[in-house]
Every structure is written in structure tokens, then in C-alpha cells.
Full PDB file with SEQRES, HELIX, SHEET, SSBOND, CRYST1, ORIGX, SCALE, CONECT and MASTER records, all heavy atoms in Angstrom:
SEQRES   1 A   40  VAL PHE THR VAL PHE CYS HIS ALA CYS TYR GLU GLY LYS          
SEQRES   2 A   40  ILE LEU THR GLN CYS LEU CYS ALA VAL PHE SER TYR VAL          
SEQRES   3 A   40  ILE MET LEU ALA LEU ASP THR ALA ALA ILE PHE LEU PHE          
SEQRES   4 A   40  CYS                                                          
HELIX    1 AA1 PHE A    2  CYS A    9  1                                   8    
HELIX    2 AA2 ILE A   14  PHE A   39  1                                  26    
CRYST1    1.000    1.000    1.000  90.00  90.00  90.00 P 1           1          
ORIGX1      1.000000  0.000000  0.000000        0.00000                         
ORIGX2      0.000000  1.000000  0.000000        0.00000                         
ORIGX3      0.000000  0.000000  1.000000        0.00000                         
SCALE1      1.000000  0.000000  0.000000        0.00000                         
SCALE2      0.000000  1.000000  0.000000        0.00000                         
SCALE3      0.000000  0.000000  1.000000        0.00000                         
ATOM      1  N   VAL A   1       0.909   9.338   2.581  1.00  0.00           N  
ATOM      2  CA  VAL A   1      -0.526   9.542   2.868  1.00  0.00           C  
ATOM      3  C   VAL A   1      -1.158   8.346   3.420  1.00  0.00           C  
ATOM      4  O   VAL A   1      -1.906   8.437   4.470  1.00  0.00           O  
ATOM      5  CB  VAL A   1      -1.232   9.923   1.508  1.00  0.00           C  
ATOM      6  CG1 VAL A   1      -2.746   9.972   1.807  1.00  0.00           C  
ATOM      7  CG2 VAL A   1      -0.827  11.366   1.067  1.00  0.00           C  
ATOM      8  N   PHE A   2      -0.804   7.213   2.900  1.00  0.00           N  
ATOM      9  CA  PHE A   2      -1.326   5.884   3.543  1.00  0.00           C  
ATOM     10  C   PHE A   2      -0.850   5.704   4.867  1.00  0.00           C  
ATOM     11  O   PHE A   2      -1.641   5.283   5.757  1.00  0.00           O  
ATOM     12  CB  PHE A   2      -0.871   4.789   2.585  1.00  0.00           C  
ATOM     13  CG  PHE A   2      -1.494   3.480   2.886  1.00  0.00           C  
ATOM     14  CD1 PHE A   2      -2.800   3.188   2.568  1.00  0.00           C  
ATOM     15  CD2 PHE A   2      -0.684   2.482   3.493  1.00  0.00           C  
ATOM     16  CE1 PHE A   2      -3.297   1.931   2.914  1.00  0.00           C  
ATOM     17  CE2 PHE A   2      -1.253   1.258   3.841  1.00  0.00           C  
ATOM     18  CZ  PHE A   2      -2.514   1.053   3.539  1.00  0.00           C  
ATOM     19  N   THR A   3       0.346   6.047   5.157  1.00  0.00           N  
ATOM     20  CA  THR A   3       0.967   5.804   6.502  1.00  0.00           C  
ATOM     21  C   THR A   3       0.259   6.745   7.508  1.00  0.00           C  
ATOM     22  O   THR A   3      -0.096   6.343   8.619  1.00  0.00           O  
ATOM     23  CB  THR A   3       2.390   6.099   6.548  1.00  0.00           C  
ATOM     24  OG1 THR A   3       3.082   5.137   5.577  1.00  0.00           O  
ATOM     25  CG2 THR A   3       2.992   5.799   7.881  1.00  0.00           C  
ATOM     26  N   VAL A   4       0.065   7.974   7.134  1.00  0.00           N  
ATOM     27  CA  VAL A   4      -0.574   8.993   8.052  1.00  0.00           C  
ATOM     28  C   VAL A   4      -2.018   8.538   8.362  1.00  0.00           C  
ATOM     29  O   VAL A   4      -2.455   8.627   9.406  1.00  0.00           O  
ATOM     30  CB  VAL A   4      -0.617  10.424   7.400  1.00  0.00           C  
ATOM     31  CG1 VAL A   4      -1.384  11.288   8.133  1.00  0.00           C  
ATOM     32  CG2 VAL A   4       0.808  10.922   7.304  1.00  0.00           C  
ATOM     33  N   PHE A   5      -2.723   8.088   7.341  1.00  0.00           N  
ATOM     34  CA  PHE A   5      -4.111   7.545   7.504  1.00  0.00           C  
ATOM     35  C   PHE A   5      -4.096   6.423   8.410  1.00  0.00           C  
ATOM     36  O   PHE A   5      -4.978   6.381   9.360  1.00  0.00           O  
ATOM     37  CB  PHE A   5      -4.686   7.105   6.094  1.00  0.00           C  
ATOM     38  CG  PHE A   5      -6.003   6.514   6.208  1.00  0.00           C  
ATOM     39  CD1 PHE A   5      -7.095   7.238   6.592  1.00  0.00           C  
ATOM     40  CD2 PHE A   5      -6.121   5.153   5.942  1.00  0.00           C  
ATOM     41  CE1 PHE A   5      -8.389   6.576   6.651  1.00  0.00           C  
ATOM     42  CE2 PHE A   5      -7.339   4.459   6.022  1.00  0.00           C  
ATOM     43  CZ  PHE A   5      -8.446   5.289   6.423  1.00  0.00           C  
ATOM     44  N   CYS A   6      -3.212   5.518   8.229  1.00  0.00           N  
ATOM     45  CA  CYS A   6      -3.126   4.244   9.174  1.00  0.00           C  
ATOM     46  C   CYS A   6      -2.838   4.794  10.669  1.00  0.00           C  
ATOM     47  O   CYS A   6      -3.539   4.288  11.607  1.00  0.00           O  
ATOM     48  CB  CYS A   6      -1.971   3.393   8.760  1.00  0.00           C  
ATOM     49  SG  CYS A   6      -2.405   2.331   7.332  1.00  0.00           S  
ATOM     50  N   HIS A   7      -1.911   5.685  10.806  1.00  0.00           N  
ATOM     51  CA  HIS A   7      -1.460   6.080  12.118  1.00  0.00           C  
ATOM     52  C   HIS A   7      -2.672   6.918  12.850  1.00  0.00           C  
ATOM     53  O   HIS A   7      -2.761   6.819  14.018  1.00  0.00           O  
ATOM     54  CB  HIS A   7      -0.218   7.050  11.989  1.00  0.00           C  
ATOM     55  CG  HIS A   7       0.443   7.138  13.345  1.00  0.00           C  
ATOM     56  ND1 HIS A   7       1.062   6.143  14.035  1.00  0.00           N  
ATOM     57  CD2 HIS A   7       0.662   8.257  14.115  1.00  0.00           C  
ATOM     58  CE1 HIS A   7       1.571   6.483  15.173  1.00  0.00           C  
ATOM     59  NE2 HIS A   7       1.353   7.914  15.151  1.00  0.00           N  
ATOM     60  N   ALA A   8      -3.412   7.641  11.936  1.00  0.00           N  
ATOM     61  CA  ALA A   8      -4.502   8.443  12.589  1.00  0.00           C  
ATOM     62  C   ALA A   8      -5.699   7.555  13.072  1.00  0.00           C  
ATOM     63  O   ALA A   8      -6.354   7.909  13.987  1.00  0.00           O  
ATOM     64  CB  ALA A   8      -4.905   9.505  11.658  1.00  0.00           C  
ATOM     65  N   CYS A   9      -5.874   6.493  12.284  1.00  0.00           N  
ATOM     66  CA  CYS A   9      -7.181   5.697  12.553  1.00  0.00           C  
ATOM     67  C   CYS A   9      -7.037   4.307  13.091  1.00  0.00           C  
ATOM     68  O   CYS A   9      -7.971   3.625  13.516  1.00  0.00           O  
ATOM     69  CB  CYS A   9      -7.983   5.613  11.238  1.00  0.00           C  
ATOM     70  SG  CYS A   9      -8.434   7.285  10.479  1.00  0.00           S  
ATOM     71  N   TYR A  10      -5.758   3.822  13.182  1.00  0.00           N  
ATOM     72  CA  TYR A  10      -5.565   2.445  13.425  1.00  0.00           C  
ATOM     73  C   TYR A  10      -4.449   2.277  14.494  1.00  0.00           C  
ATOM     74  O   TYR A  10      -3.605   3.215  14.649  1.00  0.00           O  
ATOM     75  CB  TYR A  10      -5.210   1.560  12.218  1.00  0.00           C  
ATOM     76  CG  TYR A  10      -6.364   1.469  11.211  1.00  0.00           C  
ATOM     77  CD1 TYR A  10      -6.535   2.439  10.264  1.00  0.00           C  
ATOM     78  CD2 TYR A  10      -7.221   0.392  11.307  1.00  0.00           C  
ATOM     79  CE1 TYR A  10      -7.596   2.371   9.291  1.00  0.00           C  
ATOM     80  CE2 TYR A  10      -8.265   0.325  10.393  1.00  0.00           C  
ATOM     81  CZ  TYR A  10      -8.444   1.273   9.465  1.00  0.00           C  
ATOM     82  OH  TYR A  10      -9.513   1.241   8.467  1.00  0.00           O  
ATOM     83  N   GLU A  11      -4.535   1.174  15.258  1.00  0.00           N  
ATOM     84  CA  GLU A  11      -3.563   0.915  16.301  1.00  0.00           C  
ATOM     85  C   GLU A  11      -2.316   0.391  15.699  1.00  0.00           C  
ATOM     86  O   GLU A  11      -2.326  -0.442  14.850  1.00  0.00           O  
ATOM     87  CB  GLU A  11      -4.139  -0.009  17.362  1.00  0.00           C  
ATOM     88  CG  GLU A  11      -3.238  -0.228  18.487  1.00  0.00           C  
ATOM     89  CD  GLU A  11      -3.974  -1.199  19.562  1.00  0.00           C  
ATOM     90  OE1 GLU A  11      -4.185  -2.488  19.041  1.00  0.00           O  
ATOM     91  OE2 GLU A  11      -4.240  -0.851  20.586  1.00  0.00           O  
ATOM     92  N   GLY A  12      -1.077   0.768  16.247  1.00  0.00           N  
ATOM     93  CA  GLY A  12       0.132   0.333  15.780  1.00  0.00           C  
ATOM     94  C   GLY A  12       1.234   1.286  15.784  1.00  0.00           C  
ATOM     95  O   GLY A  12       0.949   2.547  15.804  1.00  0.00           O  
ATOM     96  N   LYS A  13       2.528   0.856  15.663  1.00  0.00           N  
ATOM     97  CA  LYS A  13       3.584   1.682  15.524  1.00  0.00           C  
ATOM     98  C   LYS A  13       3.783   2.236  14.118  1.00  0.00           C  
ATOM     99  O   LYS A  13       3.449   1.569  13.154  1.00  0.00           O  
ATOM    100  CB  LYS A  13       4.947   1.034  16.041  1.00  0.00           C  
ATOM    101  CG  LYS A  13       4.786   0.480  17.447  1.00  0.00           C  
ATOM    102  CD  LYS A  13       4.643   1.542  18.406  1.00  0.00           C  
ATOM    103  CE  LYS A  13       4.700   1.095  19.866  1.00  0.00           C  
ATOM    104  NZ  LYS A  13       4.482   2.103  20.920  1.00  0.00           N  
ATOM    105  N   ILE A  14       4.270   3.425  14.001  1.00  0.00           N  
ATOM    106  CA  ILE A  14       4.325   4.108  12.723  1.00  0.00           C  
ATOM    107  C   ILE A  14       5.320   3.378  11.764  1.00  0.00           C  
ATOM    108  O   ILE A  14       5.074   3.333  10.490  1.00  0.00           O  
ATOM    109  CB  ILE A  14       4.857   5.550  12.814  1.00  0.00           C  
ATOM    110  CG1 ILE A  14       4.501   6.282  11.438  1.00  0.00           C  
ATOM    111  CG2 ILE A  14       6.209   5.742  13.262  1.00  0.00           C  
ATOM    112  CD1 ILE A  14       4.523   7.760  11.643  1.00  0.00           C  
ATOM    113  N   LEU A  15       6.401   2.692  12.205  1.00  0.00           N  
ATOM    114  CA  LEU A  15       7.226   1.934  11.410  1.00  0.00           C  
ATOM    115  C   LEU A  15       6.525   0.748  10.731  1.00  0.00           C  
ATOM    116  O   LEU A  15       6.644   0.445   9.549  1.00  0.00           O  
ATOM    117  CB  LEU A  15       8.461   1.483  12.178  1.00  0.00           C  
ATOM    118  CG  LEU A  15       9.645   2.270  12.344  1.00  0.00           C  
ATOM    119  CD1 LEU A  15      10.811   1.599  13.175  1.00  0.00           C  
ATOM    120  CD2 LEU A  15      10.226   2.764  11.006  1.00  0.00           C  
ATOM    121  N   THR A  16       5.711   0.082  11.545  1.00  0.00           N  
ATOM    122  CA  THR A  16       4.901  -1.091  11.074  1.00  0.00           C  
ATOM    123  C   THR A  16       3.986  -0.533  10.039  1.00  0.00           C  
ATOM    124  O   THR A  16       3.734  -1.261   8.954  1.00  0.00           O  
ATOM    125  CB  THR A  16       4.164  -1.720  12.135  1.00  0.00           C  
ATOM    126  OG1 THR A  16       5.149  -2.036  13.198  1.00  0.00           O  
ATOM    127  CG2 THR A  16       3.523  -3.081  11.691  1.00  0.00           C  
ATOM    128  N   GLN A  17       3.277   0.583  10.281  1.00  0.00           N  
ATOM    129  CA  GLN A  17       2.369   1.097   9.362  1.00  0.00           C  
ATOM    130  C   GLN A  17       2.987   1.525   8.045  1.00  0.00           C  
ATOM    131  O   GLN A  17       2.472   1.413   6.970  1.00  0.00           O  
ATOM    132  CB  GLN A  17       1.487   2.170  10.058  1.00  0.00           C  
ATOM    133  CG  GLN A  17       0.653   1.809  11.211  1.00  0.00           C  
ATOM    134  CD  GLN A  17       0.131   2.820  12.063  1.00  0.00           C  
ATOM    135  OE1 GLN A  17       0.673   3.878  12.093  1.00  0.00           O  
ATOM    136  NE2 GLN A  17      -0.926   2.593  12.667  1.00  0.00           N  
ATOM    137  N   CYS A  18       4.089   2.165   8.223  1.00  0.00           N  
ATOM    138  CA  CYS A  18       4.840   2.543   6.924  1.00  0.00           C  
ATOM    139  C   CYS A  18       5.228   1.268   6.102  1.00  0.00           C  
ATOM    140  O   CYS A  18       5.146   1.297   4.916  1.00  0.00           O  
ATOM    141  CB  CYS A  18       6.147   3.361   7.357  1.00  0.00           C  
ATOM    142  SG  CYS A  18       7.059   3.956   5.991  1.00  0.00           S  
ATOM    143  N   LEU A  19       5.688   0.290   6.723  1.00  0.00           N  
ATOM    144  CA  LEU A  19       6.047  -0.943   6.004  1.00  0.00           C  
ATOM    145  C   LEU A  19       4.889  -1.526   5.286  1.00  0.00           C  
ATOM    146  O   LEU A  19       5.011  -1.915   4.142  1.00  0.00           O  
ATOM    147  CB  LEU A  19       6.760  -1.949   7.029  1.00  0.00           C  
ATOM    148  CG  LEU A  19       7.256  -3.187   6.398  1.00  0.00           C  
ATOM    149  CD1 LEU A  19       8.319  -2.996   5.413  1.00  0.00           C  
ATOM    150  CD2 LEU A  19       7.691  -4.149   7.532  1.00  0.00           C  
ATOM    151  N   CYS A  20       3.831  -1.577   6.028  1.00  0.00           N  
ATOM    152  CA  CYS A  20       2.509  -2.101   5.381  1.00  0.00           C  
ATOM    153  C   CYS A  20       2.067  -1.265   4.221  1.00  0.00           C  
ATOM    154  O   CYS A  20       1.571  -1.702   3.241  1.00  0.00           O  
ATOM    155  CB  CYS A  20       1.448  -2.321   6.452  1.00  0.00           C  
ATOM    156  SG  CYS A  20       1.769  -3.547   7.648  1.00  0.00           S  
ATOM    157  N   ALA A  21       2.327   0.029   4.415  1.00  0.00           N  
ATOM    158  CA  ALA A  21       1.978   1.029   3.306  1.00  0.00           C  
ATOM    159  C   ALA A  21       2.729   0.761   2.043  1.00  0.00           C  
ATOM    160  O   ALA A  21       2.321   0.763   0.900  1.00  0.00           O  
ATOM    161  CB  ALA A  21       2.172   2.488   3.820  1.00  0.00           C  
ATOM    162  N   VAL A  22       4.058   0.505   2.255  1.00  0.00           N  
ATOM    163  CA  VAL A  22       4.988   0.205   1.133  1.00  0.00           C  
ATOM    164  C   VAL A  22       4.470  -1.136   0.510  1.00  0.00           C  
ATOM    165  O   VAL A  22       4.411  -1.301  -0.798  1.00  0.00           O  
ATOM    166  CB  VAL A  22       6.384   0.034   1.573  1.00  0.00           C  
ATOM    167  CG1 VAL A  22       7.292  -0.425   0.482  1.00  0.00           C  
ATOM    168  CG2 VAL A  22       6.929   1.306   2.165  1.00  0.00           C  
ATOM    169  N   PHE A  23       4.233  -2.221   1.309  1.00  0.00           N  
ATOM    170  CA  PHE A  23       3.769  -3.476   0.820  1.00  0.00           C  
ATOM    171  C   PHE A  23       2.457  -3.316   0.019  1.00  0.00           C  
ATOM    172  O   PHE A  23       2.316  -3.824  -1.100  1.00  0.00           O  
ATOM    173  CB  PHE A  23       3.509  -4.520   1.929  1.00  0.00           C  
ATOM    174  CG  PHE A  23       4.760  -5.317   2.214  1.00  0.00           C  
ATOM    175  CD1 PHE A  23       5.371  -5.245   3.503  1.00  0.00           C  
ATOM    176  CD2 PHE A  23       5.264  -6.223   1.323  1.00  0.00           C  
ATOM    177  CE1 PHE A  23       6.502  -5.928   3.806  1.00  0.00           C  
ATOM    178  CE2 PHE A  23       6.390  -6.991   1.660  1.00  0.00           C  
ATOM    179  CZ  PHE A  23       6.990  -6.709   2.889  1.00  0.00           C  
ATOM    180  N   SER A  24       1.500  -2.527   0.558  1.00  0.00           N  
ATOM    181  CA  SER A  24       0.241  -2.313  -0.094  1.00  0.00           C  
ATOM    182  C   SER A  24       0.400  -1.563  -1.451  1.00  0.00           C  
ATOM    183  O   SER A  24      -0.223  -1.992  -2.459  1.00  0.00           O  
ATOM    184  CB  SER A  24      -0.647  -1.536   0.862  1.00  0.00           C  
ATOM    185  OG  SER A  24      -0.919  -2.230   2.061  1.00  0.00           O  
ATOM    186  N   TYR A  25       1.281  -0.578  -1.337  1.00  0.00           N  
ATOM    187  CA  TYR A  25       1.550   0.174  -2.681  1.00  0.00           C  
ATOM    188  C   TYR A  25       2.134  -0.727  -3.785  1.00  0.00           C  
ATOM    189  O   TYR A  25       1.690  -0.748  -4.945  1.00  0.00           O  
ATOM    190  CB  TYR A  25       2.389   1.374  -2.379  1.00  0.00           C  
ATOM    191  CG  TYR A  25       2.725   2.177  -3.750  1.00  0.00           C  
ATOM    192  CD1 TYR A  25       1.824   3.028  -4.227  1.00  0.00           C  
ATOM    193  CD2 TYR A  25       3.962   1.912  -4.362  1.00  0.00           C  
ATOM    194  CE1 TYR A  25       2.044   3.750  -5.385  1.00  0.00           C  
ATOM    195  CE2 TYR A  25       4.150   2.617  -5.514  1.00  0.00           C  
ATOM    196  CZ  TYR A  25       3.231   3.544  -6.011  1.00  0.00           C  
ATOM    197  OH  TYR A  25       3.498   4.154  -7.235  1.00  0.00           O  
ATOM    198  N   VAL A  26       3.066  -1.554  -3.249  1.00  0.00           N  
ATOM    199  CA  VAL A  26       3.720  -2.475  -4.398  1.00  0.00           C  
ATOM    200  C   VAL A  26       2.766  -3.504  -4.831  1.00  0.00           C  
ATOM    201  O   VAL A  26       2.766  -3.796  -6.049  1.00  0.00           O  
ATOM    202  CB  VAL A  26       4.884  -3.168  -3.690  1.00  0.00           C  
ATOM    203  CG1 VAL A  26       5.412  -4.287  -4.597  1.00  0.00           C  
ATOM    204  CG2 VAL A  26       6.017  -2.177  -3.373  1.00  0.00           C  
ATOM    205  N   ILE A  27       1.909  -4.079  -3.936  1.00  0.00           N  
ATOM    206  CA  ILE A  27       0.907  -5.084  -4.346  1.00  0.00           C  
ATOM    207  C   ILE A  27      -0.076  -4.347  -5.370  1.00  0.00           C  
ATOM    208  O   ILE A  27      -0.432  -5.006  -6.440  1.00  0.00           O  
ATOM    209  CB  ILE A  27       0.167  -5.557  -3.142  1.00  0.00           C  
ATOM    210  CG1 ILE A  27       1.043  -6.466  -2.332  1.00  0.00           C  
ATOM    211  CG2 ILE A  27      -1.098  -6.321  -3.564  1.00  0.00           C  
ATOM    212  CD1 ILE A  27       0.454  -6.948  -1.012  1.00  0.00           C  
ATOM    213  N   MET A  28      -0.563  -3.226  -5.074  1.00  0.00           N  
ATOM    214  CA  MET A  28      -1.507  -2.490  -5.976  1.00  0.00           C  
ATOM    215  C   MET A  28      -0.838  -2.140  -7.199  1.00  0.00           C  
ATOM    216  O   MET A  28      -1.504  -2.248  -8.294  1.00  0.00           O  
ATOM    217  CB  MET A  28      -2.122  -1.317  -5.248  1.00  0.00           C  
ATOM    218  CG  MET A  28      -2.894  -1.648  -4.038  1.00  0.00           C  
ATOM    219  SD  MET A  28      -3.500  -0.134  -3.107  1.00  0.00           S  
ATOM    220  CE  MET A  28      -4.602   0.648  -4.290  1.00  0.00           C  
ATOM    221  N   LEU A  29       0.450  -1.691  -7.169  1.00  0.00           N  
ATOM    222  CA  LEU A  29       1.117  -1.318  -8.495  1.00  0.00           C  
ATOM    223  C   LEU A  29       1.371  -2.559  -9.255  1.00  0.00           C  
ATOM    224  O   LEU A  29       1.236  -2.501 -10.606  1.00  0.00           O  
ATOM    225  CB  LEU A  29       2.446  -0.631  -8.152  1.00  0.00           C  
ATOM    226  CG  LEU A  29       3.332  -0.234  -9.278  1.00  0.00           C  
ATOM    227  CD1 LEU A  29       2.575   0.831 -10.101  1.00  0.00           C  
ATOM    228  CD2 LEU A  29       4.687   0.278  -8.857  1.00  0.00           C  
ATOM    229  N   ALA A  30       1.672  -3.757  -8.635  1.00  0.00           N  
ATOM    230  CA  ALA A  30       1.868  -4.990  -9.448  1.00  0.00           C  
ATOM    231  C   ALA A  30       0.572  -5.434 -10.056  1.00  0.00           C  
ATOM    232  O   ALA A  30       0.556  -5.824 -11.114  1.00  0.00           O  
ATOM    233  CB  ALA A  30       2.478  -5.995  -8.520  1.00  0.00           C  
ATOM    234  N   LEU A  31      -0.575  -5.329  -9.328  1.00  0.00           N  
ATOM    235  CA  LEU A  31      -1.810  -5.619  -9.852  1.00  0.00           C  
ATOM    236  C   LEU A  31      -2.217  -4.726 -11.005  1.00  0.00           C  
ATOM    237  O   LEU A  31      -2.798  -5.200 -11.988  1.00  0.00           O  
ATOM    238  CB  LEU A  31      -2.881  -5.575  -8.762  1.00  0.00           C  
ATOM    239  CG  LEU A  31      -2.819  -6.741  -7.751  1.00  0.00           C  
ATOM    240  CD1 LEU A  31      -3.781  -6.441  -6.515  1.00  0.00           C  
ATOM    241  CD2 LEU A  31      -3.347  -8.031  -8.410  1.00  0.00           C  
ATOM    242  N   ASP A  32      -1.913  -3.487 -10.830  1.00  0.00           N  
ATOM    243  CA  ASP A  32      -2.201  -2.531 -11.881  1.00  0.00           C  
ATOM    244  C   ASP A  32      -1.422  -2.816 -13.072  1.00  0.00           C  
ATOM    245  O   ASP A  32      -2.015  -2.859 -14.265  1.00  0.00           O  
ATOM    246  CB  ASP A  32      -1.909  -1.088 -11.394  1.00  0.00           C  
ATOM    247  CG  ASP A  32      -2.175   0.039 -12.420  1.00  0.00           C  
ATOM    248  OD1 ASP A  32      -3.223  -0.207 -13.102  1.00  0.00           O  
ATOM    249  OD2 ASP A  32      -1.526   1.004 -12.484  1.00  0.00           O  
ATOM    250  N   THR A  33      -0.152  -3.151 -12.963  1.00  0.00           N  
ATOM    251  CA  THR A  33       0.722  -3.506 -14.149  1.00  0.00           C  
ATOM    252  C   THR A  33       0.201  -4.786 -14.823  1.00  0.00           C  
ATOM    253  O   THR A  33       0.068  -4.766 -16.054  1.00  0.00           O  
ATOM    254  CB  THR A  33       2.165  -3.707 -13.677  1.00  0.00           C  
ATOM    255  OG1 THR A  33       2.575  -2.454 -13.040  1.00  0.00           O  
ATOM    256  CG2 THR A  33       3.110  -3.940 -14.793  1.00  0.00           C  
ATOM    257  N   ALA A  34      -0.142  -5.788 -13.923  1.00  0.00           N  
ATOM    258  CA  ALA A  34      -0.543  -6.988 -14.605  1.00  0.00           C  
ATOM    259  C   ALA A  34      -1.854  -6.853 -15.341  1.00  0.00           C  
ATOM    260  O   ALA A  34      -2.127  -7.415 -16.457  1.00  0.00           O  
ATOM    261  CB  ALA A  34      -0.834  -8.081 -13.511  1.00  0.00           C  
ATOM    262  N   ALA A  35      -2.825  -6.000 -14.752  1.00  0.00           N  
ATOM    263  CA  ALA A  35      -4.081  -5.719 -15.448  1.00  0.00           C  
ATOM    264  C   ALA A  35      -3.871  -4.924 -16.802  1.00  0.00           C  
ATOM    265  O   ALA A  35      -4.573  -5.240 -17.780  1.00  0.00           O  
ATOM    266  CB  ALA A  35      -5.004  -4.931 -14.514  1.00  0.00           C  
ATOM    267  N   ILE A  36      -2.925  -4.041 -16.723  1.00  0.00           N  
ATOM    268  CA  ILE A  36      -2.606  -3.325 -17.997  1.00  0.00           C  
ATOM    269  C   ILE A  36      -1.985  -4.293 -19.026  1.00  0.00           C  
ATOM    270  O   ILE A  36      -2.375  -4.247 -20.221  1.00  0.00           O  
ATOM    271  CB  ILE A  36      -1.675  -2.203 -17.701  1.00  0.00           C  
ATOM    272  CG1 ILE A  36      -2.329  -1.102 -16.884  1.00  0.00           C  
ATOM    273  CG2 ILE A  36      -1.129  -1.594 -18.983  1.00  0.00           C  
ATOM    274  CD1 ILE A  36      -1.439  -0.020 -16.387  1.00  0.00           C  
ATOM    275  N   PHE A  37      -1.171  -5.153 -18.676  1.00  0.00           N  
ATOM    276  CA  PHE A  37      -0.626  -6.163 -19.551  1.00  0.00           C  
ATOM    277  C   PHE A  37      -1.660  -7.013 -20.189  1.00  0.00           C  
ATOM    278  O   PHE A  37      -1.634  -7.256 -21.336  1.00  0.00           O  
ATOM    279  CB  PHE A  37       0.377  -7.056 -18.816  1.00  0.00           C  
ATOM    280  CG  PHE A  37       1.711  -6.369 -18.541  1.00  0.00           C  
ATOM    281  CD1 PHE A  37       2.720  -6.910 -17.723  1.00  0.00           C  
ATOM    282  CD2 PHE A  37       2.033  -5.128 -18.993  1.00  0.00           C  
ATOM    283  CE1 PHE A  37       3.784  -6.309 -17.371  1.00  0.00           C  
ATOM    284  CE2 PHE A  37       3.220  -4.465 -18.701  1.00  0.00           C  
ATOM    285  CZ  PHE A  37       4.082  -5.110 -17.951  1.00  0.00           C  
ATOM    286  N   LEU A  38      -2.594  -7.479 -19.383  1.00  0.00           N  
ATOM    287  CA  LEU A  38      -3.651  -8.340 -19.836  1.00  0.00           C  
ATOM    288  C   LEU A  38      -4.654  -7.536 -20.711  1.00  0.00           C  
ATOM    289  O   LEU A  38      -5.146  -8.066 -21.841  1.00  0.00           O  
ATOM    290  CB  LEU A  38      -4.549  -8.894 -18.678  1.00  0.00           C  
ATOM    291  CG  LEU A  38      -3.858  -9.919 -17.804  1.00  0.00           C  
ATOM    292  CD1 LEU A  38      -4.614 -10.112 -16.512  1.00  0.00           C  
ATOM    293  CD2 LEU A  38      -3.676 -11.206 -18.562  1.00  0.00           C  
ATOM    294  N   PHE A  39      -4.878  -6.317 -20.505  1.00  0.00           N  
ATOM    295  CA  PHE A  39      -5.745  -5.363 -21.342  1.00  0.00           C  
ATOM    296  C   PHE A  39      -4.990  -5.279 -22.642  1.00  0.00           C  
ATOM    297  O   PHE A  39      -5.622  -5.200 -23.731  1.00  0.00           O  
ATOM    298  CB  PHE A  39      -5.967  -4.111 -20.652  1.00  0.00           C  
ATOM    299  CG  PHE A  39      -7.025  -3.281 -21.317  1.00  0.00           C  
ATOM    300  CD1 PHE A  39      -8.367  -3.531 -21.123  1.00  0.00           C  
ATOM    301  CD2 PHE A  39      -6.594  -2.253 -22.212  1.00  0.00           C  
ATOM    302  CE1 PHE A  39      -9.319  -2.727 -21.768  1.00  0.00           C  
ATOM    303  CE2 PHE A  39      -7.581  -1.453 -22.811  1.00  0.00           C  
ATOM    304  CZ  PHE A  39      -8.911  -1.749 -22.619  1.00  0.00           C  
ATOM    305  N   CYS A  40      -3.739  -5.004 -22.663  1.00  0.00           N  
ATOM    306  CA  CYS A  40      -3.059  -4.859 -23.971  1.00  0.00           C  
ATOM    307  C   CYS A  40      -3.047  -6.058 -24.782  1.00  0.00           C  
ATOM    308  O   CYS A  40      -3.316  -5.968 -26.010  1.00  0.00           O  
ATOM    309  CB  CYS A  40      -1.503  -4.551 -23.696  1.00  0.00           C  
ATOM    310  SG  CYS A  40      -1.122  -2.901 -22.935  1.00  0.00           S  
TER     311      CYS A  40                                                      
MASTER        0    0    0    2    0    0    0    6  310    1    0    4          
END                                                                             
């Protein structure tokens, strides 16, 4: 979903956008996990 959104609204090749989508998801998941650990 993130890749399709990038490709529809932003300039760039789909491979680059897919890679950035993966990085963004991992960063957000890691932040989510760290925040949950701190809340616990």
C-alpha cells in the first residue's frame, strides 16, 4: 500500500519506492516495539 501510494503521488522508480517502503515500515515497527517496551 505504501509503495502504491508513493508511485501514484511522488516521482521515482517503483523499486526505489518499494525499498523506502520497507525501510519506513521497519523503522516504524522498531519505534513501535521500543515504545511498547518503555510502556511495559
